[in-house]
Each structure stands twice: as structure tokens, then as C-alpha cells.
Amino acid sequence: MPVNETLSMTANVAPNGQVVLPHGVREVLGVGAGGDVAIVCNGHQVVMMNPLLYELSIFQEAMKGEAERAGLHNDDDVMELVRGIRYELEGIPLPAVPQVPV
């Protein structure tokens, strides 16, 4: 199912509080029998997500702007940081990034 499509279904709540997720919902979430789902409540809205994607979204939100604050503005800056870390850990300098004439 494409990400931009909406899937709307109802499910019955059993007396013990269990809800059986319809097959289409399990497919969208990528979970099978015994799998986990993240349930996020915001006011009267409840969102069910694949837990790994939910944790990734939290991490991405927390990291917003960190690259710029660390002085990483482009791929060359990131590569230079990686080179420095590898040199510190392994003591082996990596070849320099070839400079493309502008």
C-alpha cells in the first residue's frame, strides 16, 4: 500500500481488552503474530506504528540541527570528520577527498 493512501478499518475490543489487528493493518505495520507495535496516544487520537520506525522518528527529531551545530554543512565536512575519527581509532590516515574544480 502506498504511504500516501489511507487505510481505515474497525476492530472489536474483546472483554479482556485485546484487539485483533486486521490483516491489512498488520501488513502496513510490517508485523506478524507475536510482533510488537508502538501505540502513541495524543489527546483523543491514537496512532499505531512499527516500533522501530517510531523510535527512528524520535531520534531524527532529537538530532534536528545537530549537524549544523557541529559545523557539518556538506558531505565533505562529514567525510573529514570520519577521517579524523578513523585516524584517532586506527592511526591510519585515509586518502584525501579529491577536489573538484568549480
PDB file of N, CA and C in Angstrom:
ATOM      1  N   MET A   1       0.844  -1.181   0.000  1.00  0.00           N
ATOM      2  CA  MET A   1       0.000   0.000   0.000  1.00  0.00           C
ATOM      3  C   MET A   1       0.886   1.240   0.000  1.00  0.00           C
ATOM      4  N   PRO A   2       0.675   2.165  -0.914  1.00  0.00           N
ATOM      5  CA  PRO A   2       1.474   3.396  -0.934  1.00  0.00           C
ATOM      6  C   PRO A   2       1.315   4.196   0.358  1.00  0.00           C
ATOM      7  N   VAL A   3       2.384   4.874   0.753  1.00  0.00           N
ATOM      8  CA  VAL A   3       2.405   5.621   2.006  1.00  0.00           C
ATOM      9  C   VAL A   3       1.342   6.707   2.047  1.00  0.00           C
ATOM     10  N   ASN A   4       1.021   7.310   0.918  1.00  0.00           N
ATOM     11  CA  ASN A   4       0.092   8.439   0.923  1.00  0.00           C
ATOM     12  C   ASN A   4      -1.366   8.013   0.879  1.00  0.00           C
ATOM     13  N   GLU A   5      -1.648   6.703   0.863  1.00  0.00           N
ATOM     14  CA  GLU A   5      -3.025   6.226   0.891  1.00  0.00           C
ATOM     15  C   GLU A   5      -3.482   6.041   2.331  1.00  0.00           C
ATOM     16  N   THR A   6      -4.796   6.146   2.541  1.00  0.00           N
ATOM     17  CA  THR A   6      -5.369   5.965   3.869  1.00  0.00           C
ATOM     18  C   THR A   6      -6.056   4.613   3.939  1.00  0.00           C
ATOM     19  N   LEU A   7      -5.814   3.889   5.000  1.00  0.00           N
ATOM     20  CA  LEU A   7      -6.463   2.613   5.257  1.00  0.00           C
ATOM     21  C   LEU A   7      -7.292   2.793   6.511  1.00  0.00           C
ATOM     22  N   SER A   8      -8.580   2.594   6.402  1.00  0.00           N
ATOM     23  CA  SER A   8      -9.473   2.790   7.542  1.00  0.00           C
ATOM     24  C   SER A   8     -10.232   1.499   7.803  1.00  0.00           C
ATOM     25  N   MET A   9     -10.136   0.987   9.009  1.00  0.00           N
ATOM     26  CA  MET A   9     -10.811  -0.247   9.388  1.00  0.00           C
ATOM     27  C   MET A   9     -11.280  -0.129  10.832  1.00  0.00           C
ATOM     28  N   THR A  10     -12.193  -0.993  11.196  1.00  0.00           N
ATOM     29  CA  THR A  10     -12.599  -1.060  12.598  1.00  0.00           C
ATOM     30  C   THR A  10     -12.192  -2.419  13.146  1.00  0.00           C
ATOM     31  N   ALA A  11     -11.989  -2.466  14.440  1.00  0.00           N
ATOM     32  CA  ALA A  11     -11.648  -3.714  15.115  1.00  0.00           C
ATOM     33  C   ALA A  11     -12.440  -3.764  16.418  1.00  0.00           C
ATOM     34  N   ASN A  12     -12.807  -4.950  16.822  1.00  0.00           N
ATOM     35  CA  ASN A  12     -13.589  -5.151  18.032  1.00  0.00           C
ATOM     36  C   ASN A  12     -12.666  -5.313  19.239  1.00  0.00           C
ATOM     37  N   VAL A  13     -13.033  -4.703  20.346  1.00  0.00           N
ATOM     38  CA  VAL A  13     -12.276  -4.862  21.587  1.00  0.00           C
ATOM     39  C   VAL A  13     -12.925  -5.988  22.381  1.00  0.00           C
ATOM     40  N   ALA A  14     -12.155  -7.023  22.662  1.00  0.00           N
ATOM     41  CA  ALA A  14     -12.651  -8.172  23.423  1.00  0.00           C
ATOM     42  C   ALA A  14     -12.826  -7.783  24.891  1.00  0.00           C
ATOM     43  N   PRO A  15     -13.605  -8.562  25.642  1.00  0.00           N
ATOM     44  CA  PRO A  15     -13.820  -8.252  27.067  1.00  0.00           C
ATOM     45  C   PRO A  15     -12.523  -8.110  27.869  1.00  0.00           C
ATOM     46  N   ASN A  16     -11.467  -8.819  27.450  1.00  0.00           N
ATOM     47  CA  ASN A  16     -10.196  -8.718  28.185  1.00  0.00           C
ATOM     48  C   ASN A  16      -9.322  -7.572  27.679  1.00  0.00           C
ATOM     49  N   GLY A  17      -9.851  -6.751  26.735  1.00  0.00           N
ATOM     50  CA  GLY A  17      -9.132  -5.593  26.234  1.00  0.00           C
ATOM     51  C   GLY A  17      -8.294  -5.844  25.003  1.00  0.00           C
ATOM     52  N   GLN A  18      -8.243  -7.075  24.536  1.00  0.00           N
ATOM     53  CA  GLN A  18      -7.450  -7.376  23.352  1.00  0.00           C
ATOM     54  C   GLN A  18      -8.161  -6.921  22.088  1.00  0.00           C
ATOM     55  N   VAL A  19      -7.345  -6.517  21.124  1.00  0.00           N
ATOM     56  CA  VAL A  19      -7.846  -6.115  19.810  1.00  0.00           C
ATOM     57  C   VAL A  19      -7.074  -6.918  18.772  1.00  0.00           C
ATOM     58  N   VAL A  20      -7.790  -7.514  17.852  1.00  0.00           N
ATOM     59  CA  VAL A  20      -7.143  -8.225  16.748  1.00  0.00           C
ATOM     60  C   VAL A  20      -6.940  -7.220  15.622  1.00  0.00           C
ATOM     61  N   LEU A  21      -5.688  -7.059  15.206  1.00  0.00           N
ATOM     62  CA  LEU A  21      -5.394  -6.129  14.112  1.00  0.00           C
ATOM     63  C   LEU A  21      -5.770  -6.781  12.787  1.00  0.00           C
ATOM     64  N   PRO A  22      -6.542  -6.096  11.968  1.00  0.00           N
ATOM     65  CA  PRO A  22      -6.868  -6.646  10.655  1.00  0.00           C
ATOM     66  C   PRO A  22      -5.609  -6.903   9.829  1.00  0.00           C
ATOM     67  N   HIS A  23      -5.702  -7.860   8.932  1.00  0.00           N
ATOM     68  CA  HIS A  23      -4.561  -8.265   8.112  1.00  0.00           C
ATOM     69  C   HIS A  23      -3.926  -7.069   7.391  1.00  0.00           C
ATOM     70  N   GLY A  24      -4.741  -6.188   6.829  1.00  0.00           N
ATOM     71  CA  GLY A  24      -4.205  -5.028   6.109  1.00  0.00           C
ATOM     72  C   GLY A  24      -3.371  -4.131   6.997  1.00  0.00           C
ATOM     73  N   VAL A  25      -3.790  -3.966   8.237  1.00  0.00           N
ATOM     74  CA  VAL A  25      -3.032  -3.131   9.189  1.00  0.00           C
ATOM     75  C   VAL A  25      -1.712  -3.810   9.537  1.00  0.00           C
ATOM     76  N   ARG A  26      -1.749  -5.122   9.761  1.00  0.00           N
ATOM     77  CA  ARG A  26      -0.504  -5.841  10.066  1.00  0.00           C
ATOM     78  C   ARG A  26       0.480  -5.732   8.901  1.00  0.00           C
ATOM     79  N   GLU A  27      -0.035  -5.790   7.679  1.00  0.00           N
ATOM     80  CA  GLU A  27       0.842  -5.650   6.507  1.00  0.00           C
ATOM     81  C   GLU A  27       1.484  -4.272   6.462  1.00  0.00           C
ATOM     82  N   VAL A  28       0.686  -3.229   6.687  1.00  0.00           N
ATOM     83  CA  VAL A  28       1.214  -1.863   6.655  1.00  0.00           C
ATOM     84  C   VAL A  28       2.277  -1.672   7.728  1.00  0.00           C
ATOM     85  N   LEU A  29       2.038  -2.226   8.928  1.00  0.00           N
ATOM     86  CA  LEU A  29       2.985  -2.077  10.029  1.00  0.00           C
ATOM     87  C   LEU A  29       4.183  -3.011   9.900  1.00  0.00           C
ATOM     88  N   GLY A  30       4.060  -4.025   9.057  1.00  0.00           N
ATOM     89  CA  GLY A  30       5.153  -4.979   8.909  1.00  0.00           C
ATOM     90  C   GLY A  30       5.316  -5.873  10.116  1.00  0.00           C
ATOM     91  N   VAL A  31       4.218  -6.234  10.764  1.00  0.00           N
ATOM     92  CA  VAL A  31       4.284  -7.099  11.946  1.00  0.00           C
ATOM     93  C   VAL A  31       3.483  -8.368  11.711  1.00  0.00           C
ATOM     94  N   GLY A  32       3.932  -9.430  12.324  1.00  0.00           N
ATOM     95  CA  GLY A  32       3.239 -10.704  12.256  1.00  0.00           C
ATOM     96  C   GLY A  32       2.822 -11.144  13.640  1.00  0.00           C
ATOM     97  N   ALA A  33       2.412 -12.384  13.744  1.00  0.00           N
ATOM     98  CA  ALA A  33       1.983 -12.941  15.026  1.00  0.00           C
ATOM     99  C   ALA A  33       3.100 -12.800  16.055  1.00  0.00           C
ATOM    100  N   GLY A  34       2.758 -12.284  17.208  1.00  0.00           N
ATOM    101  CA  GLY A  34       3.736 -12.096  18.278  1.00  0.00           C
ATOM    102  C   GLY A  34       4.592 -10.852  18.116  1.00  0.00           C
ATOM    103  N   GLY A  35       4.392 -10.099  17.032  1.00  0.00           N
ATOM    104  CA  GLY A  35       5.175  -8.887  16.795  1.00  0.00           C
ATOM    105  C   GLY A  35       4.720  -7.741  17.676  1.00  0.00           C
ATOM    106  N   ASP A  36       5.526  -6.732  17.761  1.00  0.00           N
ATOM    107  CA  ASP A  36       5.231  -5.553  18.584  1.00  0.00           C
ATOM    108  C   ASP A  36       4.771  -4.390  17.720  1.00  0.00           C
ATOM    109  N   VAL A  37       3.940  -3.541  18.290  1.00  0.00           N
ATOM    110  CA  VAL A  37       3.544  -2.283  17.663  1.00  0.00           C
ATOM    111  C   VAL A  37       3.712  -1.177  18.687  1.00  0.00           C
ATOM    112  N   ALA A  38       4.019   0.015  18.213  1.00  0.00           N
ATOM    113  CA  ALA A  38       4.074   1.190  19.085  1.00  0.00           C
ATOM    114  C   ALA A  38       2.695   1.840  19.034  1.00  0.00           C
ATOM    115  N   ILE A  39       2.150   2.145  20.187  1.00  0.00           N
ATOM    116  CA  ILE A  39       0.856   2.813  20.280  1.00  0.00           C
ATOM    117  C   ILE A  39       1.106   4.173  20.915  1.00  0.00           C
ATOM    118  N   VAL A  40       0.823   5.222  20.144  1.00  0.00           N
ATOM    119  CA  VAL A  40       1.098   6.587  20.577  1.00  0.00           C
ATOM    120  C   VAL A  40      -0.235   7.309  20.743  1.00  0.00           C
ATOM    121  N   CYS A  41      -0.508   7.777  21.960  1.00  0.00           N
ATOM    122  CA  CYS A  41      -1.753   8.491  22.249  1.00  0.00           C
ATOM    123  C   CYS A  41      -1.455   9.981  22.356  1.00  0.00           C
ATOM    124  N   ASN A  42      -2.246  10.776  21.648  1.00  0.00           N
ATOM    125  CA  ASN A  42      -2.108  12.227  21.675  1.00  0.00           C
ATOM    126  C   ASN A  42      -3.516  12.797  21.782  1.00  0.00           C
ATOM    127  N   GLY A  43      -3.908  13.149  23.005  1.00  0.00           N
ATOM    128  CA  GLY A  43      -5.278  13.602  23.216  1.00  0.00           C
ATOM    129  C   GLY A  43      -6.235  12.454  22.942  1.00  0.00           C
ATOM    130  N   HIS A  44      -7.186  12.670  22.037  1.00  0.00           N
ATOM    131  CA  HIS A  44      -8.145  11.625  21.696  1.00  0.00           C
ATOM    132  C   HIS A  44      -7.746  10.872  20.442  1.00  0.00           C
ATOM    133  N   GLN A  45      -6.533  11.083  19.965  1.00  0.00           N
ATOM    134  CA  GLN A  45      -6.056  10.399  18.768  1.00  0.00           C
ATOM    135  C   GLN A  45      -5.040   9.335  19.162  1.00  0.00           C
ATOM    136  N   VAL A  46      -5.175   8.153  18.568  1.00  0.00           N
ATOM    137  CA  VAL A  46      -4.246   7.054  18.816  1.00  0.00           C
ATOM    138  C   VAL A  46      -3.636   6.649  17.481  1.00  0.00           C
ATOM    139  N   VAL A  47      -2.324   6.559  17.463  1.00  0.00           N
ATOM    140  CA  VAL A  47      -1.607   6.165  16.250  1.00  0.00           C
ATOM    141  C   VAL A  47      -0.850   4.887  16.569  1.00  0.00           C
ATOM    142  N   MET A  48      -0.942   3.925  15.661  1.00  0.00           N
ATOM    143  CA  MET A  48      -0.234   2.671  15.812  1.00  0.00           C
ATOM    144  C   MET A  48       0.854   2.639  14.750  1.00  0.00           C
ATOM    145  N   MET A  49       2.088   2.350  15.166  1.00  0.00           N
ATOM    146  CA  MET A  49       3.229   2.380  14.242  1.00  0.00           C
ATOM    147  C   MET A  49       4.127   1.178  14.456  1.00  0.00           C
ATOM    148  N   ASN A  50       4.946   0.899  13.439  1.00  0.00           N
ATOM    149  CA  ASN A  50       6.019  -0.052  13.615  1.00  0.00           C
ATOM    150  C   ASN A  50       6.959   0.556  14.667  1.00  0.00           C
ATOM    151  N   PRO A  51       7.281  -0.171  15.740  1.00  0.00           N
ATOM    152  CA  PRO A  51       8.082   0.426  16.823  1.00  0.00           C
ATOM    153  C   PRO A  51       9.468   0.895  16.402  1.00  0.00           C
ATOM    154  N   LEU A  52      10.088   0.209  15.452  1.00  0.00           N
ATOM    155  CA  LEU A  52      11.417   0.658  15.002  1.00  0.00           C
ATOM    156  C   LEU A  52      11.329   1.994  14.283  1.00  0.00           C
ATOM    157  N   LEU A  53      10.288   2.157  13.457  1.00  0.00           N
ATOM    158  CA  LEU A  53      10.115   3.427  12.759  1.00  0.00           C
ATOM    159  C   LEU A  53       9.761   4.540  13.741  1.00  0.00           C
ATOM    160  N   TYR A  54       9.008   4.204  14.781  1.00  0.00           N
ATOM    161  CA  TYR A  54       8.663   5.206  15.786  1.00  0.00           C
ATOM    162  C   TYR A  54       9.921   5.673  16.526  1.00  0.00           C
ATOM    163  N   GLU A  55      10.753   4.741  16.942  1.00  0.00           N
ATOM    164  CA  GLU A  55      11.993   5.106  17.638  1.00  0.00           C
ATOM    165  C   GLU A  55      12.906   5.909  16.727  1.00  0.00           C
ATOM    166  N   LEU A  56      12.966   5.533  15.447  1.00  0.00           N
ATOM    167  CA  LEU A  56      13.778   6.285  14.493  1.00  0.00           C
ATOM    168  C   LEU A  56      13.264   7.707  14.355  1.00  0.00           C
ATOM    169  N   SER A  57      11.950   7.889  14.323  1.00  0.00           N
ATOM    170  CA  SER A  57      11.391   9.245  14.192  1.00  0.00           C
ATOM    171  C   SER A  57      11.718  10.092  15.426  1.00  0.00           C
ATOM    172  N   ILE A  58      11.722   9.487  16.610  1.00  0.00           N
ATOM    173  CA  ILE A  58      12.097  10.211  17.837  1.00  0.00           C
ATOM    174  C   ILE A  58      13.566  10.638  17.757  1.00  0.00           C
ATOM    175  N   PHE A  59      14.420   9.722  17.321  1.00  0.00           N
ATOM    176  CA  PHE A  59      15.842  10.023  17.206  1.00  0.00           C
ATOM    177  C   PHE A  59      16.087  11.127  16.180  1.00  0.00           C
ATOM    178  N   GLN A  60      15.417  11.030  15.020  1.00  0.00           N
ATOM    179  CA  GLN A  60      15.585  12.052  13.986  1.00  0.00           C
ATOM    180  C   GLN A  60      15.152  13.420  14.500  1.00  0.00           C
ATOM    181  N   GLU A  61      14.060  13.481  15.228  1.00  0.00           N
ATOM    182  CA  GLU A  61      13.588  14.753  15.774  1.00  0.00           C
ATOM    183  C   GLU A  61      14.597  15.319  16.772  1.00  0.00           C
ATOM    184  N   ALA A  62      15.147  14.443  17.605  1.00  0.00           N
ATOM    185  CA  ALA A  62      16.127  14.888  18.602  1.00  0.00           C
ATOM    186  C   ALA A  62      17.416  15.385  17.957  1.00  0.00           C
ATOM    187  N   MET A  63      17.755  14.848  16.789  1.00  0.00           N
ATOM    188  CA  MET A  63      19.008  15.205  16.126  1.00  0.00           C
ATOM    189  C   MET A  63      18.880  16.378  15.165  1.00  0.00           C
ATOM    190  N   LYS A  64      17.671  16.894  14.973  1.00  0.00           N
ATOM    191  CA  LYS A  64      17.485  18.012  14.048  1.00  0.00           C
ATOM    192  C   LYS A  64      18.407  19.173  14.410  1.00  0.00           C
ATOM    193  N   GLY A  65      19.153  19.635  13.431  1.00  0.00           N
ATOM    194  CA  GLY A  65      20.017  20.790  13.629  1.00  0.00           C
ATOM    195  C   GLY A  65      21.377  20.474  14.223  1.00  0.00           C
ATOM    196  N   GLU A  66      21.598  19.239  14.676  1.00  0.00           N
ATOM    197  CA  GLU A  66      22.873  18.903  15.318  1.00  0.00           C
ATOM    198  C   GLU A  66      24.042  18.955  14.331  1.00  0.00           C
ATOM    199  N   ALA A  67      23.831  18.544  13.096  1.00  0.00           N
ATOM    200  CA  ALA A  67      24.919  18.574  12.113  1.00  0.00           C
ATOM    201  C   ALA A  67      25.390  20.004  11.895  1.00  0.00           C
ATOM    202  N   GLU A  68      24.448  20.919  11.743  1.00  0.00           N
ATOM    203  CA  GLU A  68      24.828  22.320  11.539  1.00  0.00           C
ATOM    204  C   GLU A  68      25.555  22.870  12.768  1.00  0.00           C
ATOM    205  N   ARG A  69      25.063  22.516  13.956  1.00  0.00           N
ATOM    206  CA  ARG A  69      25.711  22.999  15.184  1.00  0.00           C
ATOM    207  C   ARG A  69      27.128  22.451  15.328  1.00  0.00           C
ATOM    208  N   ALA A  70      27.370  21.255  14.751  1.00  0.00           N
ATOM    209  CA  ALA A  70      28.701  20.650  14.815  1.00  0.00           C
ATOM    210  C   ALA A  70      29.592  21.118  13.666  1.00  0.00           C
ATOM    211  N   GLY A  71      29.070  22.000  12.812  1.00  0.00           N
ATOM    212  CA  GLY A  71      29.861  22.523  11.706  1.00  0.00           C
ATOM    213  C   GLY A  71      29.865  21.624  10.480  1.00  0.00           C
ATOM    214  N   LEU A  72      28.914  20.698  10.407  1.00  0.00           N
ATOM    215  CA  LEU A  72      28.822  19.802   9.255  1.00  0.00           C
ATOM    216  C   LEU A  72      27.780  20.355   8.296  1.00  0.00           C
ATOM    217  N   HIS A  73      28.250  20.996   7.239  1.00  0.00           N
ATOM    218  CA  HIS A  73      27.344  21.671   6.311  1.00  0.00           C
ATOM    219  C   HIS A  73      27.200  20.953   4.974  1.00  0.00           C
ATOM    220  N   ASN A  74      28.115  20.003   4.696  1.00  0.00           N
ATOM    221  CA  ASN A  74      28.045  19.282   3.419  1.00  0.00           C
ATOM    222  C   ASN A  74      28.746  17.934   3.571  1.00  0.00           C
ATOM    223  N   ASP A  75      28.737  17.141   2.483  1.00  0.00           N
ATOM    224  CA  ASP A  75      29.331  15.805   2.523  1.00  0.00           C
ATOM    225  C   ASP A  75      30.826  15.845   2.830  1.00  0.00           C
ATOM    226  N   ASP A  76      31.520  16.853   2.315  1.00  0.00           N
ATOM    227  CA  ASP A  76      32.962  16.952   2.571  1.00  0.00           C
ATOM    228  C   ASP A  76      33.245  17.138   4.061  1.00  0.00           C
ATOM    229  N   ASP A  77      32.427  17.919   4.744  1.00  0.00           N
ATOM    230  CA  ASP A  77      32.592  18.109   6.193  1.00  0.00           C
ATOM    231  C   ASP A  77      32.413  16.790   6.940  1.00  0.00           C
ATOM    232  N   VAL A  78      31.422  16.009   6.531  1.00  0.00           N
ATOM    233  CA  VAL A  78      31.168  14.715   7.177  1.00  0.00           C
ATOM    234  C   VAL A  78      32.343  13.774   6.926  1.00  0.00           C
ATOM    235  N   MET A  79      32.827  13.732   5.688  1.00  0.00           N
ATOM    236  CA  MET A  79      33.959  12.856   5.368  1.00  0.00           C
ATOM    237  C   MET A  79      35.205  13.240   6.163  1.00  0.00           C
ATOM    238  N   GLU A  80      35.427  14.527   6.324  1.00  0.00           N
ATOM    239  CA  GLU A  80      36.577  14.985   7.109  1.00  0.00           C
ATOM    240  C   GLU A  80      36.448  14.550   8.573  1.00  0.00           C
ATOM    241  N   LEU A  81      35.257  14.624   9.116  1.00  0.00           N
ATOM    242  CA  LEU A  81      35.013  14.165  10.488  1.00  0.00           C
ATOM    243  C   LEU A  81      35.289  12.669  10.599  1.00  0.00           C
ATOM    244  N   VAL A  82      34.795  11.893   9.642  1.00  0.00           N
ATOM    245  CA  VAL A  82      35.010  10.442   9.651  1.00  0.00           C
ATOM    246  C   VAL A  82      36.497  10.125   9.549  1.00  0.00           C
ATOM    247  N   ARG A  83      37.207  10.832   8.679  1.00  0.00           N
ATOM    248  CA  ARG A  83      38.660  10.623   8.558  1.00  0.00           C
ATOM    249  C   ARG A  83      39.363  10.861   9.898  1.00  0.00           C
ATOM    250  N   GLY A  84      38.994  11.946  10.560  1.00  0.00           N
ATOM    251  CA  GLY A  84      39.623  12.259  11.842  1.00  0.00           C
ATOM    252  C   GLY A  84      39.362  11.189  12.889  1.00  0.00           C
ATOM    253  N   ILE A  85      38.133  10.705  12.938  1.00  0.00           N
ATOM    254  CA  ILE A  85      37.793   9.665  13.919  1.00  0.00           C
ATOM    255  C   ILE A  85      38.528   8.371  13.596  1.00  0.00           C
ATOM    256  N   ARG A  86      38.570   7.994  12.310  1.00  0.00           N
ATOM    257  CA  ARG A  86      39.285   6.769  11.933  1.00  0.00           C
ATOM    258  C   ARG A  86      40.770   6.883  12.233  1.00  0.00           C
ATOM    259  N   TYR A  87      41.328   8.053  12.004  1.00  0.00           N
ATOM    260  CA  TYR A  87      42.746   8.241  12.297  1.00  0.00           C
ATOM    261  C   TYR A  87      42.995   8.083  13.794  1.00  0.00           C
ATOM    262  N   GLU A  88      42.115   8.665  14.611  1.00  0.00           N
ATOM    263  CA  GLU A  88      42.264   8.532  16.062  1.00  0.00           C
ATOM    264  C   GLU A  88      42.134   7.083  16.514  1.00  0.00           C
ATOM    265  N   LEU A  89      41.185   6.346  15.930  1.00  0.00           N
ATOM    266  CA  LEU A  89      40.953   4.965  16.348  1.00  0.00           C
ATOM    267  C   LEU A  89      41.978   3.993  15.781  1.00  0.00           C
ATOM    268  N   GLU A  90      42.348   4.169  14.521  1.00  0.00           N
ATOM    269  CA  GLU A  90      43.193   3.194  13.840  1.00  0.00           C
ATOM    270  C   GLU A  90      44.613   3.688  13.572  1.00  0.00           C
ATOM    271  N   GLY A  91      44.813   4.995  13.670  1.00  0.00           N
ATOM    272  CA  GLY A  91      46.125   5.556  13.385  1.00  0.00           C
ATOM    273  C   GLY A  91      46.494   5.542  11.911  1.00  0.00           C
ATOM    274  N   ILE A  92      45.512   5.319  11.055  1.00  0.00           N
ATOM    275  CA  ILE A  92      45.780   5.238   9.618  1.00  0.00           C
ATOM    276  C   ILE A  92      45.097   6.400   8.910  1.00  0.00           C
ATOM    277  N   PRO A  93      45.866   7.295   8.319  1.00  0.00           N
ATOM    278  CA  PRO A  93      45.224   8.388   7.582  1.00  0.00           C
ATOM    279  C   PRO A  93      44.568   7.861   6.309  1.00  0.00           C
ATOM    280  N   LEU A  94      43.420   8.363   6.005  1.00  0.00           N
ATOM    281  CA  LEU A  94      42.720   7.988   4.780  1.00  0.00           C
ATOM    282  C   LEU A  94      43.099   8.957   3.680  1.00  0.00           C
ATOM    283  N   PRO A  95      42.998   8.512   2.421  1.00  0.00           N
ATOM    284  CA  PRO A  95      43.329   9.421   1.334  1.00  0.00           C
ATOM    285  C   PRO A  95      42.410  10.638   1.355  1.00  0.00           C
ATOM    286  N   ALA A  96      42.948  11.749   0.917  1.00  0.00           N
ATOM    287  CA  ALA A  96      42.167  12.997   0.886  1.00  0.00           C
ATOM    288  C   ALA A  96      41.080  12.908  -0.162  1.00  0.00           C
ATOM    289  N   VAL A  97      40.024  13.663   0.061  1.00  0.00           N
ATOM    290  CA  VAL A  97      38.932  13.741  -0.909  1.00  0.00           C
ATOM    291  C   VAL A  97      39.422  14.532  -2.096  1.00  0.00           C
ATOM    292  N   PRO A  98      39.265  13.983  -3.319  1.00  0.00           N
ATOM    293  CA  PRO A  98      39.692  14.759  -4.487  1.00  0.00           C
ATOM    294  C   PRO A  98      38.874  16.031  -4.615  1.00  0.00           C
ATOM    295  N   GLN A  99      39.552  17.122  -4.882  1.00  0.00           N
ATOM    296  CA  GLN A  99      38.872  18.410  -5.031  1.00  0.00           C
ATOM    297  C   GLN A  99      38.408  18.563  -6.472  1.00  0.00           C
ATOM    298  N   VAL A 100      37.128  18.865  -6.624  1.00  0.00           N
ATOM    299  CA  VAL A 100      36.552  19.061  -7.943  1.00  0.00           C
ATOM    300  C   VAL A 100      36.631  20.546  -8.250  1.00  0.00           C
ATOM    301  N   PRO A 101      37.234  20.895  -9.404  1.00  0.00           N
ATOM    302  CA  PRO A 101      37.304  22.318  -9.748  1.00  0.00           C
ATOM    303  C   PRO A 101      35.914  22.891  -9.932  1.00  0.00           C
ATOM    304  N   VAL A 102      35.721  24.106  -9.450  1.00  0.00           N
ATOM    305  CA  VAL A 102      34.412  24.763  -9.555  1.00  0.00           C
ATOM    306  C   VAL A 102      34.415  25.756 -10.680  1.00  0.00           C
TER     307      VAL A 102
END
